[in-house]
Amino acid sequence: MAHLRFEYLERNNTYKITNRKKEYLGYLKYYKSWKCWIFVPMYDCIFSADCMQEIIDYTKELTKVK
């Protein structure tokens, strides 16, 4: 079951992450030095293991495409 929503923001090549209530949680961006997508959370956000796994899985899919 998806807890998170990922919205691509073309102007800065990032993915905004929100929860079901549309609360902003952080974003994904491509980190050129590491050649992979990274997660940048909002300050003081907490995540369950399920939510963290969703973020991990999404970044893996993005890395396959890049």
PDB file of N, CA and C in Angstrom:
ATOM      1  N   MET A   1       0.845  -1.182   0.000  1.00  0.00           N
ATOM      2  CA  MET A   1       0.000   0.000   0.000  1.00  0.00           C
ATOM      3  C   MET A   1       0.891   1.246   0.000  1.00  0.00           C
ATOM      4  N   ALA A   2       0.648   2.124  -0.916  1.00  0.00           N
ATOM      5  CA  ALA A   2       1.468   3.330  -1.043  1.00  0.00           C
ATOM      6  C   ALA A   2       1.059   4.370  -0.002  1.00  0.00           C
ATOM      7  N   HIS A   3       2.022   4.809   0.752  1.00  0.00           N
ATOM      8  CA  HIS A   3       1.793   5.862   1.736  1.00  0.00           C
ATOM      9  C   HIS A   3       2.232   7.224   1.211  1.00  0.00           C
ATOM     10  N   LEU A   4       3.116   7.198   0.212  1.00  0.00           N
ATOM     11  CA  LEU A   4       3.739   8.425  -0.265  1.00  0.00           C
ATOM     12  C   LEU A   4       3.384   8.717  -1.713  1.00  0.00           C
ATOM     13  N   ARG A   5       3.488   9.995  -2.064  1.00  0.00           N
ATOM     14  CA  ARG A   5       3.291  10.428  -3.442  1.00  0.00           C
ATOM     15  C   ARG A   5       4.568  11.137  -3.897  1.00  0.00           C
ATOM     16  N   PHE A   6       4.966  10.834  -5.123  1.00  0.00           N
ATOM     17  CA  PHE A   6       6.177  11.414  -5.703  1.00  0.00           C
ATOM     18  C   PHE A   6       5.762  12.244  -6.911  1.00  0.00           C
ATOM     19  N   GLU A   7       6.075  13.522  -6.881  1.00  0.00           N
ATOM     20  CA  GLU A   7       5.690  14.435  -7.966  1.00  0.00           C
ATOM     21  C   GLU A   7       6.954  15.035  -8.583  1.00  0.00           C
ATOM     22  N   TYR A   8       7.122  14.815  -9.888  1.00  0.00           N
ATOM     23  CA  TYR A   8       8.299  15.343 -10.573  1.00  0.00           C
ATOM     24  C   TYR A   8       8.170  16.845 -10.773  1.00  0.00           C
ATOM     25  N   LEU A   9       9.217  17.572 -10.409  1.00  0.00           N
ATOM     26  CA  LEU A   9       9.271  19.020 -10.604  1.00  0.00           C
ATOM     27  C   LEU A   9      10.354  19.308 -11.638  1.00  0.00           C
ATOM     28  N   GLU A  10       9.922  19.572 -12.850  1.00  0.00           N
ATOM     29  CA  GLU A  10      10.843  19.714 -13.977  1.00  0.00           C
ATOM     30  C   GLU A  10      11.807  20.891 -13.823  1.00  0.00           C
ATOM     31  N   ARG A  11      11.337  21.984 -13.247  1.00  0.00           N
ATOM     32  CA  ARG A  11      12.175  23.187 -13.182  1.00  0.00           C
ATOM     33  C   ARG A  11      13.486  22.973 -12.437  1.00  0.00           C
ATOM     34  N   ASN A  12      13.503  22.052 -11.460  1.00  0.00           N
ATOM     35  CA  ASN A  12      14.753  21.796 -10.749  1.00  0.00           C
ATOM     36  C   ASN A  12      15.138  20.315 -10.727  1.00  0.00           C
ATOM     37  N   ASN A  13      14.487  19.522 -11.570  1.00  0.00           N
ATOM     38  CA  ASN A  13      14.797  18.096 -11.719  1.00  0.00           C
ATOM     39  C   ASN A  13      14.801  17.357 -10.382  1.00  0.00           C
ATOM     40  N   THR A  14      13.742  17.559  -9.602  1.00  0.00           N
ATOM     41  CA  THR A  14      13.593  16.881  -8.316  1.00  0.00           C
ATOM     42  C   THR A  14      12.220  16.225  -8.251  1.00  0.00           C
ATOM     43  N   TYR A  15      12.040  15.392  -7.243  1.00  0.00           N
ATOM     44  CA  TYR A  15      10.748  14.771  -6.970  1.00  0.00           C
ATOM     45  C   TYR A  15      10.295  15.191  -5.582  1.00  0.00           C
ATOM     46  N   LYS A  16       9.178  15.877  -5.517  1.00  0.00           N
ATOM     47  CA  LYS A  16       8.595  16.285  -4.243  1.00  0.00           C
ATOM     48  C   LYS A  16       7.889  15.075  -3.637  1.00  0.00           C
ATOM     49  N   ILE A  17       8.079  14.865  -2.341  1.00  0.00           N
ATOM     50  CA  ILE A  17       7.448  13.742  -1.652  1.00  0.00           C
ATOM     51  C   ILE A  17       6.430  14.285  -0.660  1.00  0.00           C
ATOM     52  N   THR A  18       5.191  13.787  -0.776  1.00  0.00           N
ATOM     53  CA  THR A  18       4.135  14.154   0.157  1.00  0.00           C
ATOM     54  C   THR A  18       3.465  12.883   0.671  1.00  0.00           C
ATOM     55  N   ASN A  19       2.755  13.020   1.786  1.00  0.00           N
ATOM     56  CA  ASN A  19       2.000  11.883   2.308  1.00  0.00           C
ATOM     57  C   ASN A  19       0.566  11.946   1.783  1.00  0.00           C
ATOM     58  N   ARG A  20      -0.271  11.058   2.286  1.00  0.00           N
ATOM     59  CA  ARG A  20      -1.671  11.012   1.821  1.00  0.00           C
ATOM     60  C   ARG A  20      -2.433  12.302   2.105  1.00  0.00           C
ATOM     61  N   LYS A  21      -2.018  13.013   3.156  1.00  0.00           N
ATOM     62  CA  LYS A  21      -2.667  14.278   3.512  1.00  0.00           C
ATOM     63  C   LYS A  21      -2.079  15.459   2.737  1.00  0.00           C
ATOM     64  N   LYS A  22      -1.193  15.153   1.786  1.00  0.00           N
ATOM     65  CA  LYS A  22      -0.520  16.152   0.948  1.00  0.00           C
ATOM     66  C   LYS A  22       0.430  17.048   1.747  1.00  0.00           C
ATOM     67  N   GLU A  23       0.941  16.523   2.875  1.00  0.00           N
ATOM     68  CA  GLU A  23       1.927  17.250   3.667  1.00  0.00           C
ATOM     69  C   GLU A  23       3.308  17.004   3.066  1.00  0.00           C
ATOM     70  N   TYR A  24       4.077  18.061   2.908  1.00  0.00           N
ATOM     71  CA  TYR A  24       5.408  17.982   2.302  1.00  0.00           C
ATOM     72  C   TYR A  24       6.380  17.312   3.271  1.00  0.00           C
ATOM     73  N   LEU A  25       7.078  16.268   2.789  1.00  0.00           N
ATOM     74  CA  LEU A  25       7.994  15.509   3.632  1.00  0.00           C
ATOM     75  C   LEU A  25       9.458  15.662   3.241  1.00  0.00           C
ATOM     76  N   GLY A  26       9.715  16.031   2.004  1.00  0.00           N
ATOM     77  CA  GLY A  26      11.087  16.160   1.524  1.00  0.00           C
ATOM     78  C   GLY A  26      11.115  15.998   0.017  1.00  0.00           C
ATOM     79  N   TYR A  27      12.314  15.741  -0.507  1.00  0.00           N
ATOM     80  CA  TYR A  27      12.426  15.588  -1.956  1.00  0.00           C
ATOM     81  C   TYR A  27      13.570  14.654  -2.320  1.00  0.00           C
ATOM     82  N   LEU A  28      13.529  14.192  -3.559  1.00  0.00           N
ATOM     83  CA  LEU A  28      14.605  13.394  -4.135  1.00  0.00           C
ATOM     84  C   LEU A  28      15.313  14.252  -5.164  1.00  0.00           C
ATOM     85  N   LYS A  29      16.629  14.163  -5.200  1.00  0.00           N
ATOM     86  CA  LYS A  29      17.386  14.866  -6.236  1.00  0.00           C
ATOM     87  C   LYS A  29      18.538  13.984  -6.675  1.00  0.00           C
ATOM     88  N   TYR A  30      18.967  14.199  -7.903  1.00  0.00           N
ATOM     89  CA  TYR A  30      20.092  13.426  -8.428  1.00  0.00           C
ATOM     90  C   TYR A  30      21.380  14.064  -7.944  1.00  0.00           C
ATOM     91  N   TYR A  31      22.212  13.259  -7.295  1.00  0.00           N
ATOM     92  CA  TYR A  31      23.482  13.727  -6.747  1.00  0.00           C
ATOM     93  C   TYR A  31      24.592  13.252  -7.670  1.00  0.00           C
ATOM     94  N   LYS A  32      25.111  14.176  -8.469  1.00  0.00           N
ATOM     95  CA  LYS A  32      26.077  13.827  -9.515  1.00  0.00           C
ATOM     96  C   LYS A  32      27.339  13.176  -8.970  1.00  0.00           C
ATOM     97  N   SER A  33      27.823  13.624  -7.832  1.00  0.00           N
ATOM     98  CA  SER A  33      29.063  13.065  -7.272  1.00  0.00           C
ATOM     99  C   SER A  33      28.942  11.574  -6.979  1.00  0.00           C
ATOM    100  N   TRP A  34      27.771  11.141  -6.545  1.00  0.00           N
ATOM    101  CA  TRP A  34      27.550   9.728  -6.217  1.00  0.00           C
ATOM    102  C   TRP A  34      26.874   8.971  -7.351  1.00  0.00           C
ATOM    103  N   LYS A  35      26.415   9.704  -8.372  1.00  0.00           N
ATOM    104  CA  LYS A  35      25.709   9.125  -9.519  1.00  0.00           C
ATOM    105  C   LYS A  35      24.472   8.327  -9.091  1.00  0.00           C
ATOM    106  N   CYS A  36      23.697   8.932  -8.201  1.00  0.00           N
ATOM    107  CA  CYS A  36      22.457   8.285  -7.758  1.00  0.00           C
ATOM    108  C   CYS A  36      21.503   9.344  -7.197  1.00  0.00           C
ATOM    109  N   TRP A  37      20.264   8.933  -6.999  1.00  0.00           N
ATOM    110  CA  TRP A  37      19.257   9.803  -6.411  1.00  0.00           C
ATOM    111  C   TRP A  37      19.387   9.749  -4.901  1.00  0.00           C
ATOM    112  N   ILE A  38      19.212  10.900  -4.250  1.00  0.00           N
ATOM    113  CA  ILE A  38      19.277  10.956  -2.795  1.00  0.00           C
ATOM    114  C   ILE A  38      17.988  11.551  -2.243  1.00  0.00           C
ATOM    115  N   PHE A  39      17.701  11.223  -1.004  1.00  0.00           N
ATOM    116  CA  PHE A  39      16.524  11.709  -0.300  1.00  0.00           C
ATOM    117  C   PHE A  39      16.945  12.823   0.654  1.00  0.00           C
ATOM    118  N   VAL A  40      16.257  13.962   0.554  1.00  0.00           N
ATOM    119  CA  VAL A  40      16.512  15.100   1.435  1.00  0.00           C
ATOM    120  C   VAL A  40      15.223  15.359   2.221  1.00  0.00           C
ATOM    121  N   PRO A  41      15.162  14.913   3.480  1.00  0.00           N
ATOM    122  CA  PRO A  41      13.926  15.069   4.253  1.00  0.00           C
ATOM    123  C   PRO A  41      13.761  16.475   4.819  1.00  0.00           C
ATOM    124  N   MET A  42      12.529  16.834   5.093  1.00  0.00           N
ATOM    125  CA  MET A  42      12.248  18.067   5.824  1.00  0.00           C
ATOM    126  C   MET A  42      12.723  17.869   7.259  1.00  0.00           C
ATOM    127  N   TYR A  43      13.087  18.946   7.895  1.00  0.00           N
ATOM    128  CA  TYR A  43      13.537  18.897   9.279  1.00  0.00           C
ATOM    129  C   TYR A  43      12.438  18.334  10.180  1.00  0.00           C
ATOM    130  N   ASP A  44      12.809  17.456  11.065  1.00  0.00           N
ATOM    131  CA  ASP A  44      11.935  16.922  12.109  1.00  0.00           C
ATOM    132  C   ASP A  44      10.814  16.017  11.591  1.00  0.00           C
ATOM    133  N   CYS A  45      10.973  15.435  10.406  1.00  0.00           N
ATOM    134  CA  CYS A  45      10.009  14.455   9.908  1.00  0.00           C
ATOM    135  C   CYS A  45      10.392  13.076  10.433  1.00  0.00           C
ATOM    136  N   ILE A  46       9.397  12.264  10.677  1.00  0.00           N
ATOM    137  CA  ILE A  46       9.652  10.879  11.074  1.00  0.00           C
ATOM    138  C   ILE A  46       9.013   9.959  10.043  1.00  0.00           C
ATOM    139  N   PHE A  47       9.620   8.784   9.848  1.00  0.00           N
ATOM    140  CA  PHE A  47       9.169   7.855   8.821  1.00  0.00           C
ATOM    141  C   PHE A  47       9.130   6.443   9.373  1.00  0.00           C
ATOM    142  N   SER A  48       8.096   5.712   9.008  1.00  0.00           N
ATOM    143  CA  SER A  48       8.026   4.294   9.361  1.00  0.00           C
ATOM    144  C   SER A  48       8.939   3.509   8.423  1.00  0.00           C
ATOM    145  N   ALA A  49       9.192   2.262   8.778  1.00  0.00           N
ATOM    146  CA  ALA A  49      10.012   1.402   7.918  1.00  0.00           C
ATOM    147  C   ALA A  49       9.360   1.241   6.547  1.00  0.00           C
ATOM    148  N   ASP A  50       8.032   1.143   6.505  1.00  0.00           N
ATOM    149  CA  ASP A  50       7.320   1.010   5.228  1.00  0.00           C
ATOM    150  C   ASP A  50       7.534   2.237   4.337  1.00  0.00           C
ATOM    151  N   CYS A  51       7.458   3.418   4.922  1.00  0.00           N
ATOM    152  CA  CYS A  51       7.671   4.644   4.141  1.00  0.00           C
ATOM    153  C   CYS A  51       9.112   4.737   3.646  1.00  0.00           C
ATOM    154  N   MET A  52      10.048   4.391   4.509  1.00  0.00           N
ATOM    155  CA  MET A  52      11.453   4.419   4.086  1.00  0.00           C
ATOM    156  C   MET A  52      11.685   3.433   2.945  1.00  0.00           C
ATOM    157  N   GLN A  53      11.035   2.269   3.015  1.00  0.00           N
ATOM    158  CA  GLN A  53      11.191   1.284   1.940  1.00  0.00           C
ATOM    159  C   GLN A  53      10.618   1.812   0.630  1.00  0.00           C
ATOM    160  N   GLU A  54       9.498   2.531   0.700  1.00  0.00           N
ATOM    161  CA  GLU A  54       8.935   3.147  -0.512  1.00  0.00           C
ATOM    162  C   GLU A  54       9.931   4.115  -1.145  1.00  0.00           C
ATOM    163  N   ILE A  55      10.586   4.911  -0.319  1.00  0.00           N
ATOM    164  CA  ILE A  55      11.575   5.868  -0.825  1.00  0.00           C
ATOM    165  C   ILE A  55      12.754   5.130  -1.445  1.00  0.00           C
ATOM    166  N   ILE A  56      13.235   4.100  -0.776  1.00  0.00           N
ATOM    167  CA  ILE A  56      14.351   3.298  -1.300  1.00  0.00           C
ATOM    168  C   ILE A  56      13.977   2.684  -2.642  1.00  0.00           C
ATOM    169  N   ASP A  57      12.812   2.061  -2.704  1.00  0.00           N
ATOM    170  CA  ASP A  57      12.368   1.419  -3.948  1.00  0.00           C
ATOM    171  C   ASP A  57      12.230   2.439  -5.080  1.00  0.00           C
ATOM    172  N   TYR A  58      11.688   3.608  -4.769  1.00  0.00           N
ATOM    173  CA  TYR A  58      11.511   4.638  -5.795  1.00  0.00           C
ATOM    174  C   TYR A  58      12.856   5.135  -6.310  1.00  0.00           C
ATOM    175  N   THR A  59      13.809   5.356  -5.417  1.00  0.00           N
ATOM    176  CA  THR A  59      15.131   5.813  -5.860  1.00  0.00           C
ATOM    177  C   THR A  59      15.836   4.746  -6.694  1.00  0.00           C
ATOM    178  N   LYS A  60      15.632   3.483  -6.366  1.00  0.00           N
ATOM    179  CA  LYS A  60      16.221   2.402  -7.174  1.00  0.00           C
ATOM    180  C   LYS A  60      15.651   2.418  -8.587  1.00  0.00           C
ATOM    181  N   GLU A  61      14.347   2.617  -8.706  1.00  0.00           N
ATOM    182  CA  GLU A  61      13.721   2.687 -10.025  1.00  0.00           C
ATOM    183  C   GLU A  61      14.233   3.893 -10.813  1.00  0.00           C
ATOM    184  N   LEU A  62      14.365   5.025 -10.152  1.00  0.00           N
ATOM    185  CA  LEU A  62      14.885   6.216 -10.829  1.00  0.00           C
ATOM    186  C   LEU A  62      16.318   6.004 -11.298  1.00  0.00           C
ATOM    187  N   THR A  63      17.116   5.324 -10.505  1.00  0.00           N
ATOM    188  CA  THR A  63      18.511   5.067 -10.863  1.00  0.00           C
ATOM    189  C   THR A  63      18.604   4.164 -12.085  1.00  0.00           C
ATOM    190  N   LYS A  64      17.688   3.213 -12.210  1.00  0.00           N
ATOM    191  CA  LYS A  64      17.661   2.338 -13.392  1.00  0.00           C
ATOM    192  C   LYS A  64      17.400   3.148 -14.659  1.00  0.00           C
ATOM    193  N   VAL A  65      16.536   4.154 -14.547  1.00  0.00           N
ATOM    194  CA  VAL A  65      16.146   4.978 -15.689  1.00  0.00           C
ATOM    195  C   VAL A  65      17.240   5.971 -16.061  1.00  0.00           C
ATOM    196  N   LYS A  66      17.943   6.519 -15.094  1.00  0.00           N
ATOM    197  CA  LYS A  66      18.944   7.587 -15.317  1.00  0.00           C
ATOM    198  C   LYS A  66      20.071   7.155 -16.202  1.00  0.00           C
TER     199      LYS A  66
END
